[in-house]
Amino acid sequence: MAIRWESTERAPVEGDLIQASRAGDRQAFSALASANLAWVLGWLTARVRDPDRAEDLAQEVFLKAFEGIGRLRDPGKFRPWLYRIAENVLRSHLRAERRARAVVESRPFDALDQVAAETRGDPDRREALREAIAKLPVETRDALILKHVDDRSCEEIARTMGITRNALAVRLFRARQALRSFLRAE
């Protein structure tokens, strides 16, 4: 015969946490966020395929949920409501990313030509640089152009691209490494 230990205290259920959150209880909302973080983060990671970006987006999802919990009409539909917030945050992020990419991709390479001409003055080297930049993956190329051609700050680039500053630093490092490799091979 198994002995069952039962607590006389009732563990807070999601409905109680939602009601407390609606009343402004930050700890209750923190418990709700913790209980739902894994599936929100998993869903976002599957969509953006970048864990750092997914974490940033999940943080935005829970911030929006915290700000809007008072507008949740049916506490029994918390998860679908949170899912809609995650979808909207993802859509906004992807739209911003597409806009940033469109700006970078539509930008002519004239500024890169100017930079190459000023640094080397060699037309062959300038063409090799253009070709090397064109071979870079889109995200890496975008980061490189925003930093070195548009002269934007790392903070601004990270925000525009929807990535962390660490992720941006990695992309810029990889872009420079790839350019060195491409140019040495020439």
C-alpha atoms as a PDB file:
ATOM      1  CA  MET A   1       0.000   0.000   0.000  1.00  0.00           C
ATOM      2  CA  ALA A   2       1.453   3.338  -1.131  1.00  0.00           C
ATOM      3  CA  ILE A   3       1.348   6.315   1.151  1.00  0.00           C
ATOM      4  CA  ARG A   4       0.164   9.535  -0.489  1.00  0.00           C
ATOM      5  CA  TRP A   5       1.356  12.789   0.919  1.00  0.00           C
ATOM      6  CA  GLU A   6      -1.073  15.590   0.319  1.00  0.00           C
ATOM      7  CA  SER A   7      -0.524  19.210   1.108  1.00  0.00           C
ATOM      8  CA  THR A   8      -3.244  21.137   2.837  1.00  0.00           C
ATOM      9  CA  GLU A   9      -2.119  24.201   0.880  1.00  0.00           C
ATOM     10  CA  ARG A  10      -3.508  24.460  -2.605  1.00  0.00           C
ATOM     11  CA  ALA A  11      -0.854  25.090  -5.257  1.00  0.00           C
ATOM     12  CA  PRO A  12      -1.655  28.175  -7.314  1.00  0.00           C
ATOM     13  CA  VAL A  13      -3.354  27.203 -10.530  1.00  0.00           C
ATOM     14  CA  GLU A  14      -3.103  29.143 -13.755  1.00  0.00           C
ATOM     15  CA  GLY A  15      -6.448  30.877 -13.215  1.00  0.00           C
ATOM     16  CA  ASP A  16      -5.381  32.143  -9.792  1.00  0.00           C
ATOM     17  CA  LEU A  17      -2.071  33.365 -11.236  1.00  0.00           C
ATOM     18  CA  ILE A  18      -3.879  35.161 -14.049  1.00  0.00           C
ATOM     19  CA  GLN A  19      -6.256  36.889 -11.629  1.00  0.00           C
ATOM     20  CA  ALA A  20      -3.355  37.939  -9.394  1.00  0.00           C
ATOM     21  CA  SER A  21      -1.424  39.159 -12.445  1.00  0.00           C
ATOM     22  CA  ARG A  22      -4.401  41.208 -13.580  1.00  0.00           C
ATOM     23  CA  ALA A  23      -4.378  42.807 -10.122  1.00  0.00           C
ATOM     24  CA  GLY A  24      -0.732  43.808 -10.667  1.00  0.00           C
ATOM     25  CA  ASP A  25       1.058  40.963  -8.845  1.00  0.00           C
ATOM     26  CA  ARG A  26       4.427  40.707 -10.595  1.00  0.00           C
ATOM     27  CA  GLN A  27       5.365  37.469  -8.871  1.00  0.00           C
ATOM     28  CA  ALA A  28       2.196  35.824 -10.129  1.00  0.00           C
ATOM     29  CA  PHE A  29       2.988  36.961 -13.665  1.00  0.00           C
ATOM     30  CA  SER A  30       6.560  35.734 -13.262  1.00  0.00           C
ATOM     31  CA  ALA A  31       5.176  32.298 -12.348  1.00  0.00           C
ATOM     32  CA  LEU A  32       2.905  32.397 -15.433  1.00  0.00           C
ATOM     33  CA  ALA A  33       5.835  33.379 -17.635  1.00  0.00           C
ATOM     34  CA  SER A  34       8.005  30.611 -16.187  1.00  0.00           C
ATOM     35  CA  ALA A  35       5.272  28.050 -16.772  1.00  0.00           C
ATOM     36  CA  ASN A  36       4.900  29.085 -20.419  1.00  0.00           C
ATOM     37  CA  LEU A  37       8.459  30.049 -21.333  1.00  0.00           C
ATOM     38  CA  ALA A  38       9.515  26.659 -22.723  1.00  0.00           C
ATOM     39  CA  TRP A  39       6.771  26.374 -25.330  1.00  0.00           C
ATOM     40  CA  VAL A  40       6.961  30.075 -26.341  1.00  0.00           C
ATOM     41  CA  LEU A  41      10.738  29.868 -26.700  1.00  0.00           C
ATOM     42  CA  GLY A  42      10.512  26.550 -28.557  1.00  0.00           C
ATOM     43  CA  TRP A  43       7.913  27.906 -30.962  1.00  0.00           C
ATOM     44  CA  LEU A  44       9.936  31.069 -31.656  1.00  0.00           C
ATOM     45  CA  THR A  45      13.215  29.161 -32.047  1.00  0.00           C
ATOM     46  CA  ALA A  46      11.587  26.874 -34.606  1.00  0.00           C
ATOM     47  CA  ARG A  47      10.469  29.950 -36.571  1.00  0.00           C
ATOM     48  CA  VAL A  48      13.598  32.129 -36.487  1.00  0.00           C
ATOM     49  CA  ARG A  49      16.178  29.322 -36.163  1.00  0.00           C
ATOM     50  CA  ASP A  50      18.367  31.486 -33.929  1.00  0.00           C
ATOM     51  CA  PRO A  51      18.213  30.848 -30.163  1.00  0.00           C
ATOM     52  CA  ASP A  52      19.510  34.325 -29.255  1.00  0.00           C
ATOM     53  CA  ARG A  53      16.933  36.037 -31.427  1.00  0.00           C
ATOM     54  CA  ALA A  54      14.218  33.717 -30.094  1.00  0.00           C
ATOM     55  CA  GLU A  55      15.138  34.692 -26.514  1.00  0.00           C
ATOM     56  CA  ASP A  56      14.887  38.386 -27.394  1.00  0.00           C
ATOM     57  CA  LEU A  57      11.510  37.818 -29.035  1.00  0.00           C
ATOM     58  CA  ALA A  58      10.250  35.742 -26.084  1.00  0.00           C
ATOM     59  CA  GLN A  59      11.205  38.568 -23.746  1.00  0.00           C
ATOM     60  CA  GLU A  60       9.177  40.952 -25.912  1.00  0.00           C
ATOM     61  CA  VAL A  61       6.229  38.514 -25.910  1.00  0.00           C
ATOM     62  CA  PHE A  62       6.141  38.352 -22.124  1.00  0.00           C
ATOM     63  CA  LEU A  63       6.584  42.107 -21.773  1.00  0.00           C
ATOM     64  CA  LYS A  64       3.579  42.671 -24.063  1.00  0.00           C
ATOM     65  CA  ALA A  65       1.625  40.011 -22.180  1.00  0.00           C
ATOM     66  CA  PHE A  66       2.405  41.670 -18.853  1.00  0.00           C
ATOM     67  CA  GLU A  67       1.360  45.062 -20.208  1.00  0.00           C
ATOM     68  CA  GLY A  68      -1.850  43.638 -21.678  1.00  0.00           C
ATOM     69  CA  ILE A  69      -2.928  41.062 -19.093  1.00  0.00           C
ATOM     70  CA  GLY A  70      -5.657  43.426 -17.899  1.00  0.00           C
ATOM     71  CA  ARG A  71      -7.270  43.196 -21.339  1.00  0.00           C
ATOM     72  CA  LEU A  72      -7.431  39.387 -21.308  1.00  0.00           C
ATOM     73  CA  ARG A  73     -11.173  38.751 -21.389  1.00  0.00           C
ATOM     74  CA  ASP A  74     -11.270  35.036 -20.646  1.00  0.00           C
ATOM     75  CA  PRO A  75      -8.590  33.770 -18.229  1.00  0.00           C
ATOM     76  CA  GLY A  76      -9.330  30.240 -19.489  1.00  0.00           C
ATOM     77  CA  LYS A  77      -7.887  31.230 -22.853  1.00  0.00           C
ATOM     78  CA  PHE A  78      -4.532  32.492 -21.586  1.00  0.00           C
ATOM     79  CA  ARG A  79      -2.421  30.204 -23.786  1.00  0.00           C
ATOM     80  CA  PRO A  80      -4.211  31.041 -27.058  1.00  0.00           C
ATOM     81  CA  TRP A  81      -3.976  34.734 -26.094  1.00  0.00           C
ATOM     82  CA  LEU A  82      -0.241  34.378 -25.399  1.00  0.00           C
ATOM     83  CA  TYR A  83       0.187  32.488 -28.683  1.00  0.00           C
ATOM     84  CA  ARG A  84      -1.445  35.376 -30.582  1.00  0.00           C
ATOM     85  CA  ILE A  85       0.935  37.817 -28.901  1.00  0.00           C
ATOM     86  CA  ALA A  86       3.883  35.602 -29.927  1.00  0.00           C
ATOM     87  CA  GLU A  87       2.586  35.464 -33.512  1.00  0.00           C
ATOM     88  CA  ASN A  88       2.224  39.246 -33.637  1.00  0.00           C
ATOM     89  CA  VAL A  89       5.682  39.849 -32.174  1.00  0.00           C
ATOM     90  CA  LEU A  90       7.172  37.420 -34.693  1.00  0.00           C
ATOM     91  CA  ARG A  91       5.310  39.055 -37.600  1.00  0.00           C
ATOM     92  CA  SER A  92       6.507  42.511 -36.536  1.00  0.00           C
ATOM     93  CA  HIS A  93      10.050  41.240 -36.204  1.00  0.00           C
ATOM     94  CA  LEU A  94      10.008  39.587 -39.635  1.00  0.00           C
ATOM     95  CA  ARG A  95       8.534  42.723 -41.233  1.00  0.00           C
ATOM     96  CA  ALA A  96      11.273  44.884 -39.681  1.00  0.00           C
ATOM     97  CA  GLU A  97      13.901  42.382 -40.792  1.00  0.00           C
ATOM     98  CA  ARG A  98      12.543  42.407 -44.367  1.00  0.00           C
ATOM     99  CA  ARG A  99      12.550  46.217 -44.407  1.00  0.00           C
ATOM    100  CA  ALA A 100      16.136  46.332 -43.163  1.00  0.00           C
ATOM    101  CA  ARG A 101      17.191  43.717 -45.702  1.00  0.00           C
ATOM    102  CA  ALA A 102      15.404  45.561 -48.519  1.00  0.00           C
ATOM    103  CA  VAL A 103      17.217  48.779 -47.636  1.00  0.00           C
ATOM    104  CA  VAL A 104      20.574  47.022 -47.591  1.00  0.00           C
ATOM    105  CA  GLU A 105      19.939  44.968 -50.735  1.00  0.00           C
ATOM    106  CA  SER A 106      18.618  47.930 -52.695  1.00  0.00           C
ATOM    107  CA  ARG A 107      21.611  50.032 -51.711  1.00  0.00           C
ATOM    108  CA  PRO A 108      24.007  50.284 -54.614  1.00  0.00           C
ATOM    109  CA  PHE A 109      27.575  49.175 -54.127  1.00  0.00           C
ATOM    110  CA  ASP A 110      28.821  52.709 -54.939  1.00  0.00           C
ATOM    111  CA  ALA A 111      29.639  53.391 -51.293  1.00  0.00           C
ATOM    112  CA  LEU A 112      31.588  50.139 -51.087  1.00  0.00           C
ATOM    113  CA  ASP A 113      33.401  51.086 -54.273  1.00  0.00           C
ATOM    114  CA  GLN A 114      34.290  54.420 -52.695  1.00  0.00           C
ATOM    115  CA  VAL A 115      35.595  52.760 -49.533  1.00  0.00           C
ATOM    116  CA  ALA A 116      37.627  50.268 -51.540  1.00  0.00           C
ATOM    117  CA  ALA A 117      39.000  53.010 -53.815  1.00  0.00           C
ATOM    118  CA  GLU A 118      40.034  55.131 -50.844  1.00  0.00           C
ATOM    119  CA  THR A 119      41.788  52.270 -49.077  1.00  0.00           C
ATOM    120  CA  ARG A 120      43.523  50.579 -52.027  1.00  0.00           C
ATOM    121  CA  GLY A 121      42.935  52.583 -55.172  1.00  0.00           C
ATOM    122  CA  ASP A 122      43.219  49.362 -57.156  1.00  0.00           C
ATOM    123  CA  PRO A 123      40.242  48.682 -59.495  1.00  0.00           C
ATOM    124  CA  ASP A 124      40.936  44.929 -59.492  1.00  0.00           C
ATOM    125  CA  ARG A 125      40.981  44.876 -55.711  1.00  0.00           C
ATOM    126  CA  ARG A 126      37.752  46.918 -55.643  1.00  0.00           C
ATOM    127  CA  GLU A 127      36.035  44.372 -57.918  1.00  0.00           C
ATOM    128  CA  ALA A 128      37.368  41.499 -55.802  1.00  0.00           C
ATOM    129  CA  LEU A 129      35.928  43.200 -52.701  1.00  0.00           C
ATOM    130  CA  ARG A 130      32.538  43.618 -54.375  1.00  0.00           C
ATOM    131  CA  GLU A 131      32.496  39.955 -55.394  1.00  0.00           C
ATOM    132  CA  ALA A 132      33.579  38.829 -51.939  1.00  0.00           C
ATOM    133  CA  ILE A 133      30.826  40.871 -50.272  1.00  0.00           C
ATOM    134  CA  ALA A 134      28.258  39.488 -52.712  1.00  0.00           C
ATOM    135  CA  LYS A 135      29.269  35.936 -51.691  1.00  0.00           C
ATOM    136  CA  LEU A 136      28.543  36.556 -48.008  1.00  0.00           C
ATOM    137  CA  PRO A 137      25.331  35.148 -46.486  1.00  0.00           C
ATOM    138  CA  VAL A 138      22.569  37.782 -46.478  1.00  0.00           C
ATOM    139  CA  GLU A 139      22.512  38.353 -42.692  1.00  0.00           C
ATOM    140  CA  THR A 140      26.288  38.689 -42.545  1.00  0.00           C
ATOM    141  CA  ARG A 141      26.399  40.996 -45.567  1.00  0.00           C
ATOM    142  CA  ASP A 142      23.608  43.166 -44.122  1.00  0.00           C
ATOM    143  CA  ALA A 143      25.440  43.564 -40.821  1.00  0.00           C
ATOM    144  CA  LEU A 144      28.702  44.422 -42.581  1.00  0.00           C
ATOM    145  CA  ILE A 145      27.107  47.033 -44.845  1.00  0.00           C
ATOM    146  CA  LEU A 146      25.138  48.638 -42.026  1.00  0.00           C
ATOM    147  CA  LYS A 147      28.297  48.900 -39.897  1.00  0.00           C
ATOM    148  CA  HIS A 148      30.983  49.859 -42.400  1.00  0.00           C
ATOM    149  CA  VAL A 149      29.080  51.582 -45.180  1.00  0.00           C
ATOM    150  CA  ASP A 150      26.150  53.190 -43.368  1.00  0.00           C
ATOM    151  CA  ASP A 151      28.346  53.772 -40.298  1.00  0.00           C
ATOM    152  CA  ARG A 152      25.606  52.751 -37.871  1.00  0.00           C
ATOM    153  CA  SER A 153      26.277  51.919 -34.244  1.00  0.00           C
ATOM    154  CA  CYS A 154      26.240  48.288 -33.127  1.00  0.00           C
ATOM    155  CA  GLU A 155      23.272  49.021 -30.875  1.00  0.00           C
ATOM    156  CA  GLU A 156      21.268  50.459 -33.777  1.00  0.00           C
ATOM    157  CA  ILE A 157      22.185  47.593 -36.115  1.00  0.00           C
ATOM    158  CA  ALA A 158      21.267  44.946 -33.539  1.00  0.00           C
ATOM    159  CA  ARG A 159      17.910  46.622 -32.936  1.00  0.00           C
ATOM    160  CA  THR A 160      17.234  46.992 -36.685  1.00  0.00           C
ATOM    161  CA  MET A 161      18.113  43.372 -37.399  1.00  0.00           C
ATOM    162  CA  GLY A 162      16.303  42.081 -34.325  1.00  0.00           C
ATOM    163  CA  ILE A 163      19.366  40.369 -32.859  1.00  0.00           C
ATOM    164  CA  THR A 164      21.495  40.759 -29.752  1.00  0.00           C
ATOM    165  CA  ARG A 165      24.707  42.760 -29.793  1.00  0.00           C
ATOM    166  CA  ASN A 166      26.621  39.514 -29.236  1.00  0.00           C
ATOM    167  CA  ALA A 167      24.975  37.939 -32.280  1.00  0.00           C
ATOM    168  CA  LEU A 168      25.885  41.060 -34.285  1.00  0.00           C
ATOM    169  CA  ALA A 169      29.499  40.890 -33.119  1.00  0.00           C
ATOM    170  CA  VAL A 170      29.658  37.255 -34.266  1.00  0.00           C
ATOM    171  CA  ARG A 171      28.200  38.158 -37.673  1.00  0.00           C
ATOM    172  CA  LEU A 172      30.664  41.016 -38.165  1.00  0.00           C
ATOM    173  CA  PHE A 173      33.573  38.811 -37.107  1.00  0.00           C
ATOM    174  CA  ARG A 174      32.499  36.089 -39.530  1.00  0.00           C
ATOM    175  CA  ALA A 175      32.009  38.635 -42.322  1.00  0.00           C
ATOM    176  CA  ARG A 176      35.536  39.989 -41.865  1.00  0.00           C
ATOM    177  CA  GLN A 177      36.984  36.479 -41.701  1.00  0.00           C
ATOM    178  CA  ALA A 178      35.157  35.469 -44.881  1.00  0.00           C
ATOM    179  CA  LEU A 179      36.272  38.612 -46.704  1.00  0.00           C
ATOM    180  CA  ARG A 180      39.892  37.982 -45.729  1.00  0.00           C
ATOM    181  CA  SER A 181      39.611  34.401 -46.976  1.00  0.00           C
ATOM    182  CA  PHE A 182      37.962  35.447 -50.254  1.00  0.00           C
ATOM    183  CA  LEU A 183      40.511  38.195 -50.880  1.00  0.00           C
ATOM    184  CA  ARG A 184      43.519  35.997 -50.043  1.00  0.00           C
ATOM    185  CA  ALA A 185      42.257  33.389 -52.505  1.00  0.00           C
ATOM    186  CA  GLU A 186      42.173  36.023 -55.281  1.00  0.00           C
END
